[in-house]
Protein backbone atom coordinates (compact mmCIF):
# COMPACT_ATOMS: atom_id res chain seq x y z
CA MET A 1 -5.79 21.27 -11.17
CA ALA A 2 -7.34 18.75 -8.89
CA TYR A 3 -6.25 18.38 -5.62
CA SER A 4 -4.22 15.03 -5.01
CA PRO A 5 -3.89 14.03 -1.32
CA GLY A 6 -0.59 12.52 -0.40
CA TYR A 7 -0.30 9.05 0.90
CA LYS A 8 2.02 6.36 2.12
CA TRP A 9 2.30 2.77 1.83
CA GLY A 10 3.92 -0.49 3.45
CA GLN A 11 3.42 -4.09 3.63
CA THR A 12 3.60 -7.25 6.04
CA ASP A 13 3.22 -10.88 4.92
CA SER A 14 -0.49 -10.41 4.78
CA HIS A 15 -1.15 -6.74 4.55
CA VAL A 16 -0.63 -3.85 2.70
CA ILE A 17 -1.47 -0.57 4.45
CA ILE A 18 -2.19 2.63 2.99
CA THR A 19 -2.36 5.80 4.98
CA VAL A 20 -4.07 8.69 2.94
CA ASP A 21 -3.74 12.33 4.23
CA VAL A 22 -7.16 13.27 4.61
CA HIS A 23 -9.80 13.82 7.14
CA GLU A 24 -12.88 11.35 7.63
CA GLU A 25 -15.24 14.15 6.65
CA HIS A 26 -13.71 14.86 3.52
CA VAL A 27 -14.35 11.41 2.23
CA ASN A 28 -17.63 10.87 0.26
CA GLN A 29 -16.61 7.20 -0.96
CA HIS A 30 -14.04 4.46 -0.84
CA ASP A 31 -14.35 1.19 -3.03
CA PHE A 32 -12.21 -1.84 -3.43
CA THR A 33 -12.22 -4.59 -6.06
CA PRO A 34 -10.84 -7.97 -6.00
CA ASN A 35 -8.25 -7.60 -8.89
CA GLY A 36 -6.85 -4.59 -6.79
CA SER A 37 -8.50 -1.27 -7.55
CA ILE A 38 -9.09 1.23 -5.08
CA LEU A 39 -11.01 4.50 -5.50
CA VAL A 40 -11.20 7.30 -2.99
CA LYS A 41 -13.17 10.17 -3.49
CA GLY A 42 -14.16 13.30 -1.60
CA GLU A 43 -13.53 17.16 -1.46
CA VAL A 44 -11.15 19.26 0.85
CA PRO A 45 -12.24 22.82 2.03
CA ASN A 46 -10.05 25.40 0.01
CA LYS A 47 -8.20 22.91 -2.13
CA GLY A 48 -11.10 21.01 -4.03
CA PRO A 49 -12.34 17.74 -4.75
CA PHE A 50 -10.04 14.76 -5.40
CA LYS A 51 -10.18 11.51 -6.51
CA MET A 52 -7.34 9.11 -5.84
CA GLN A 53 -7.56 5.84 -8.10
CA LEU A 54 -4.72 2.97 -7.81
CA GLU A 55 -4.28 -0.32 -9.56
CA LEU A 56 -2.69 -2.17 -6.94
CA PHE A 57 0.42 -4.30 -7.54
CA GLY A 58 -1.43 -7.55 -6.74
CA ASP A 59 -5.06 -9.16 -5.93
CA ILE A 60 -6.64 -8.34 -2.67
CA ASN A 61 -9.35 -10.10 -0.50
CA VAL A 62 -11.91 -7.35 -0.25
CA MET A 63 -14.27 -9.16 2.10
CA LEU A 64 -11.12 -8.79 4.59
CA CYS A 65 -10.10 -4.85 3.92
CA GLN A 66 -10.66 -2.44 6.30
CA VAL A 67 -10.63 1.36 6.55
CA HIS A 68 -9.91 3.19 9.64
CA PHE A 69 -10.08 6.90 10.23
CA LYS A 70 -7.58 8.64 12.43
CA SER A 71 -7.52 12.14 13.45
CA ARG A 72 -5.92 13.27 10.23
CA SER A 73 -5.82 10.46 8.02
CA MET A 74 -7.55 7.62 6.31
CA GLN A 75 -5.77 4.16 6.86
CA ILE A 76 -6.67 1.49 4.37
CA LYS A 77 -5.58 -2.04 5.46
CA LEU A 78 -5.84 -4.51 2.42
CA THR A 79 -5.62 -8.20 2.82
CA LYS A 80 -3.13 -9.64 0.07
CA GLN A 81 -5.01 -12.57 -1.90
CA ASN A 82 -1.40 -14.17 -1.93
CA LEU A 83 -0.60 -14.32 1.84
CA GLY A 84 3.36 -13.89 1.88
CA ALA A 85 3.69 -12.56 -1.41
CA LYS A 86 6.28 -9.46 -1.14
CA TRP A 87 4.59 -6.72 -3.69
CA LYS A 88 7.72 -4.61 -5.39
CA SER A 89 5.82 -1.66 -5.73
CA LEU A 90 2.11 -0.51 -4.39
CA GLN A 91 0.84 -0.25 -8.01
CA LYS A 92 1.10 -2.21 -11.52
CA SER A 93 4.35 -1.71 -12.88
CA HIS A 94 2.57 0.13 -16.00
CA VAL A 95 1.47 2.80 -13.63
CA LYS A 96 3.91 5.53 -12.91
CA LYS A 97 4.54 6.43 -9.31
CA PRO A 98 3.01 9.73 -8.35
CA ALA A 99 5.05 12.28 -6.59
CA GLN A 100 2.57 12.04 -3.61
CA GLU A 101 3.20 8.41 -2.87
CA LYS A 102 5.77 7.69 -0.32
CA ALA A 103 7.25 4.73 1.45
CA ASP A 104 5.77 4.00 5.02
CA PHE A 105 8.59 3.06 7.28
CA ASP A 106 6.04 2.03 9.89
CA PHE A 107 5.27 -0.92 7.94
CA TYR A 108 8.50 -1.54 5.95
CA GLN A 109 9.74 -5.29 5.70
CA ASN A 110 13.10 -6.35 4.18
CA SER A 111 14.33 -9.60 4.13
CA ASP A 112 16.16 -9.11 7.53
CA ASP A 113 12.89 -9.02 9.13
CA ASP A 114 11.88 -12.55 7.79
CA GLU A 115 12.17 -14.97 10.68
CA SER A 116 13.56 -18.07 8.72
CA SER A 117 16.00 -21.12 9.73
CA HIS A 118 18.45 -19.82 7.29
CA SER A 119 21.84 -19.30 8.78
CA SER A 120 23.73 -16.20 7.89
CA ALA A 121 26.36 -18.65 5.96
CA ASP A 122 23.29 -19.84 3.96
CA SER A 123 21.93 -16.23 3.01
CA ASN A 124 25.34 -15.20 1.93
CA ASP A 125 25.54 -18.53 -0.18
CA GLU A 126 22.21 -17.51 -1.71
CA MET A 127 23.22 -13.87 -2.22
CA ALA A 128 26.36 -15.05 -3.92
CA ASP A 129 24.56 -17.66 -5.82
CA SER A 130 22.07 -14.83 -7.32
CA PHE A 131 25.00 -12.87 -8.81
CA SER A 132 26.32 -15.43 -10.54
């Protein structure tokens, strides 16, 4: 069985951030496509080769995507094509969530984090309407 590195993901209004648990020297290739495909390949000593391929929930702006290598991980910062859109998951709905995929609470965003002009009464009315 091939090695599958763990990874976590989170999002902001404009970006999706994926942190892969793999050192820079173990990554041989990383590619992105505008329709939301990511490929990361490499080999980890004593664990073997790996190929991480993701079919992202939404489209990305490839020209604005960035890769940063940290001491023990690779961070991929993807710019959403539709700024402000909230992704329900990292990958498209037909893709089963892999066991190695985790939420990154450093980049977790919920509706309470939004800076909006709605009062709490407005928010409660909207919530009540959604259950009607």
